Amino acid sequence: MDISEFWTVIDAARSATTTDKPFAEAVTDHLATRAKEDILGYQERFDEARGAVYRWDVWAAAYLIGGGCSDDSFMDFRAGVIALGRDWYEKTAADPDSLAEHPAVLVAAGAHRDEALFYEDVNYAAARAFGRVTGDEEDFYEAWTAYAASRDRPEHDSADMGEDFDFDDDAEMHARLPRLAALCLGGVVPGSSDGPQEST
């Protein structure tokens, strides 16, 4: 499965998503109609997309939106960004601060909820679909181990994450992600000797 087909699968699942059928279920349903090799190919592209945004600036965005973000939560956040579709994924990859414009982030910030874009179940769609095809979800992990061993797949933790910085430094977050910081933290006076302050 090439990257264009991967995003076609994501778009098809987004189109099938309803209030009764969340995205993770829709993408699982779609993948379950495909051949096992296609499901493994989807997982490969999914891992690549998730790994490409394994960066400190994207993690900082997740930290602001979630009011904190562990390593596991950051995996869920990156899955959530993929679930937004190719356009939002590419916007996020180019400029994580652009997520300040996403309706789900705006709603969550206004309601003081932290679940926007953190979407754990999306990580397991391929395994669940594979299990439907074979009758046992554990078959996926055996097949995936063999498939991954046959490919030259770099681990995400060997990627260049960019420059690390202090997510708990409000002034730093305002400097690096000004729109998200304003949305999630409120105003700040950069360079104030007294530390972050609410703007008037």
Protein backbone atom coordinates (compact mmCIF):
# COMPACT_ATOMS: atom_id res chain seq x y z
CA MET A 1 0.00 0.00 0.00
CA ASP A 2 1.47 3.34 -1.03
CA ILE A 3 0.91 6.59 0.83
CA SER A 4 -1.86 7.79 -1.51
CA GLU A 5 -3.83 4.60 -0.96
CA PHE A 6 -3.26 4.91 2.78
CA TRP A 7 -4.86 8.35 2.82
CA THR A 8 -7.68 7.05 0.62
CA VAL A 9 -8.42 4.48 3.34
CA ILE A 10 -8.37 7.23 5.98
CA ASP A 11 -10.72 9.40 3.89
CA ALA A 12 -13.11 6.49 3.30
CA ALA A 13 -13.26 5.82 7.03
CA ARG A 14 -13.82 9.51 7.77
CA SER A 15 -16.73 9.52 5.30
CA ALA A 16 -18.22 6.46 7.03
CA THR A 17 -17.87 7.94 10.51
CA THR A 18 -21.14 8.79 12.27
CA THR A 19 -22.29 9.46 15.82
CA ASP A 20 -22.96 5.72 16.12
CA LYS A 21 -19.78 4.62 14.34
CA PRO A 22 -16.59 6.36 15.49
CA PHE A 23 -13.62 6.71 13.15
CA ALA A 24 -11.64 3.85 14.71
CA GLU A 25 -14.53 1.47 14.08
CA ALA A 26 -15.05 2.81 10.55
CA VAL A 27 -11.41 2.32 9.57
CA THR A 28 -11.42 -1.17 11.12
CA ASP A 29 -14.54 -2.05 9.11
CA HIS A 30 -12.92 -0.78 5.92
CA LEU A 31 -9.66 -2.63 6.47
CA ALA A 32 -11.51 -5.86 7.28
CA THR A 33 -12.73 -5.92 3.67
CA ARG A 34 -9.14 -5.90 2.39
CA ALA A 35 -6.56 -8.64 1.91
CA LYS A 36 -4.22 -9.41 4.80
CA GLU A 37 -1.26 -7.96 2.86
CA ASP A 38 -3.17 -4.69 2.45
CA ILE A 39 -3.82 -4.52 6.20
CA LEU A 40 -0.12 -5.00 6.90
CA GLY A 41 0.71 -2.36 4.31
CA TYR A 42 -1.72 0.02 5.97
CA GLN A 43 0.01 -0.55 9.32
CA GLU A 44 3.38 0.17 7.73
CA ARG A 45 2.17 3.49 6.31
CA PHE A 46 0.38 4.29 9.59
CA ASP A 47 3.59 3.75 11.55
CA GLU A 48 5.50 5.93 9.11
CA ALA A 49 2.96 8.75 9.40
CA ARG A 50 2.90 8.48 13.18
CA GLY A 51 6.70 8.37 13.33
CA ALA A 52 7.11 11.43 11.09
CA VAL A 53 5.39 13.63 13.69
CA TYR A 54 7.35 12.18 16.61
CA ARG A 55 8.87 15.59 17.28
CA TRP A 56 9.24 17.91 20.25
CA ASP A 57 7.20 20.71 18.67
CA VAL A 58 4.29 18.36 17.94
CA TRP A 59 4.60 16.93 21.46
CA ALA A 60 4.46 20.49 22.83
CA ALA A 61 1.20 21.03 20.93
CA ALA A 62 -0.20 17.84 22.45
CA TYR A 63 0.98 18.98 25.88
CA LEU A 64 -0.89 22.27 25.54
CA ILE A 65 -4.06 20.71 24.14
CA GLY A 66 -4.10 17.89 26.69
CA GLY A 67 -2.97 19.89 29.70
CA GLY A 68 0.01 17.51 29.84
CA CYS A 69 1.02 14.56 27.69
CA SER A 70 2.86 11.33 28.56
CA ASP A 71 4.69 9.21 26.00
CA ASP A 72 1.67 6.89 25.69
CA SER A 73 -0.68 9.84 25.35
CA PHE A 74 1.54 11.30 22.64
CA MET A 75 1.14 8.07 20.66
CA ASP A 76 -2.64 8.48 20.95
CA PHE A 77 -2.39 12.15 19.95
CA ARG A 78 -0.43 11.32 16.79
CA ALA A 79 -3.03 8.69 15.91
CA GLY A 80 -5.68 11.37 16.38
CA VAL A 81 -3.86 13.73 14.03
CA ILE A 82 -3.76 11.00 11.37
CA ALA A 83 -7.51 10.49 11.87
CA LEU A 84 -8.06 14.14 10.94
CA GLY A 85 -7.11 13.28 7.36
CA ARG A 86 -4.25 14.20 5.07
CA ASP A 87 -4.82 17.96 4.93
CA TRP A 88 -4.79 18.46 8.69
CA TYR A 89 -1.99 15.95 9.14
CA GLU A 90 0.21 17.84 6.68
CA LYS A 91 -0.70 21.19 8.23
CA THR A 92 0.23 19.84 11.65
CA ALA A 93 3.50 18.39 10.38
CA ALA A 94 4.41 21.73 8.79
CA ASP A 95 3.25 23.87 11.73
CA PRO A 96 1.85 22.24 14.90
CA ASP A 97 0.56 25.63 16.03
CA SER A 98 -2.00 25.46 13.19
CA LEU A 99 -4.02 23.05 15.37
CA ALA A 100 -5.24 26.14 17.21
CA GLU A 101 -7.60 26.57 14.24
CA HIS A 102 -9.09 23.06 14.38
CA PRO A 103 -12.73 23.04 15.55
CA ALA A 104 -12.22 20.11 17.94
CA VAL A 105 -9.37 21.92 19.66
CA LEU A 106 -11.37 25.14 19.90
CA VAL A 107 -14.35 23.33 21.41
CA ALA A 108 -12.21 21.39 23.88
CA ALA A 109 -10.34 24.51 24.98
CA GLY A 110 -13.58 26.42 25.48
CA ALA A 111 -15.08 23.60 27.54
CA HIS A 112 -11.84 22.90 29.44
CA ARG A 113 -11.78 19.30 28.19
CA ASP A 114 -8.55 17.57 27.27
CA GLU A 115 -9.69 14.69 25.06
CA ALA A 116 -9.44 16.48 21.69
CA LEU A 117 -7.31 14.53 19.23
CA PHE A 118 -6.17 11.86 21.71
CA TYR A 119 -7.49 8.74 19.98
CA GLU A 120 -6.05 5.50 21.34
CA ASP A 121 -8.29 3.07 19.44
CA VAL A 122 -6.98 4.24 16.06
CA ASN A 123 -3.63 2.64 16.94
CA TYR A 124 -5.25 -0.83 16.95
CA ALA A 125 -7.45 -0.65 13.84
CA ALA A 126 -5.19 -2.84 11.70
CA ALA A 127 -4.85 -5.53 14.38
CA ARG A 128 -8.61 -5.65 14.90
CA ALA A 129 -9.31 -5.79 11.18
CA PHE A 130 -6.74 -8.56 10.70
CA GLY A 131 -8.39 -10.48 13.51
CA ARG A 132 -11.74 -10.25 11.76
CA VAL A 133 -10.20 -11.68 8.60
CA THR A 134 -8.38 -14.56 10.32
CA GLY A 135 -10.61 -15.10 13.33
CA ASP A 136 -7.90 -14.27 15.89
CA GLU A 137 -6.46 -10.80 16.53
CA GLU A 138 -3.23 -12.36 17.80
CA ASP A 139 -2.58 -13.52 14.21
CA PHE A 140 -1.86 -9.90 13.34
CA TYR A 141 1.10 -9.63 15.69
CA GLU A 142 2.74 -12.77 14.34
CA ALA A 143 2.17 -11.65 10.76
CA TRP A 144 3.34 -8.11 11.54
CA THR A 145 6.58 -9.37 13.11
CA ALA A 146 7.38 -11.33 9.95
CA TYR A 147 6.31 -8.47 7.67
CA ALA A 148 8.32 -5.84 9.58
CA ALA A 149 11.40 -8.07 9.59
CA SER A 150 11.29 -8.18 5.81
CA ARG A 151 11.27 -4.36 5.52
CA ASP A 152 13.88 -1.73 6.32
CA ARG A 153 11.84 0.19 8.88
CA PRO A 154 13.60 2.76 11.10
CA GLU A 155 12.38 2.99 14.68
CA HIS A 156 10.69 6.28 15.61
CA ASP A 157 13.06 6.84 18.52
CA SER A 158 15.98 7.05 16.11
CA ALA A 159 14.36 9.95 14.25
CA ASP A 160 15.41 13.57 14.62
CA MET A 161 12.89 15.05 17.06
CA GLY A 162 14.23 18.58 16.67
CA GLU A 163 15.11 20.87 19.55
CA ASP A 164 13.94 19.87 23.02
CA PHE A 165 12.49 22.60 25.24
CA ASP A 166 10.64 23.00 28.53
CA PHE A 167 6.92 22.39 28.09
CA ASP A 168 6.26 23.82 31.57
CA ASP A 169 7.84 27.18 30.68
CA ASP A 170 4.79 29.22 29.67
CA ALA A 171 6.85 31.97 28.05
CA GLU A 172 8.70 29.38 25.94
CA MET A 173 5.43 27.78 24.87
CA HIS A 174 4.00 31.19 23.92
CA ALA A 175 7.14 31.91 21.88
CA ARG A 176 7.11 28.58 20.03
CA LEU A 177 3.35 27.89 19.71
CA PRO A 178 1.74 31.33 20.13
CA ARG A 179 -1.79 30.50 18.95
CA LEU A 180 -2.10 27.25 20.88
CA ALA A 181 -0.52 28.79 23.97
CA ALA A 182 -2.90 31.74 23.86
CA LEU A 183 -5.83 29.33 23.48
CA CYS A 184 -4.76 26.86 26.16
CA LEU A 185 -2.78 28.97 28.62
CA GLY A 186 -4.16 32.46 28.18
CA GLY A 187 -2.14 35.62 27.67
CA VAL A 188 1.46 36.04 28.73
CA VAL A 189 3.88 38.93 28.96
CA PRO A 190 7.04 37.60 27.26
CA GLY A 191 10.27 38.44 29.03
CA SER A 192 8.60 39.47 32.27
CA SER A 193 10.94 39.13 35.22
CA ASP A 194 8.00 38.04 37.32
CA GLY A 195 7.22 35.12 35.02
CA PRO A 196 4.08 34.55 33.00
CA GLN A 197 1.20 36.87 33.69
CA GLU A 198 -2.29 37.13 32.41
CA SER A 199 -2.55 39.85 29.79
CA THR A 200 -5.21 42.49 30.18
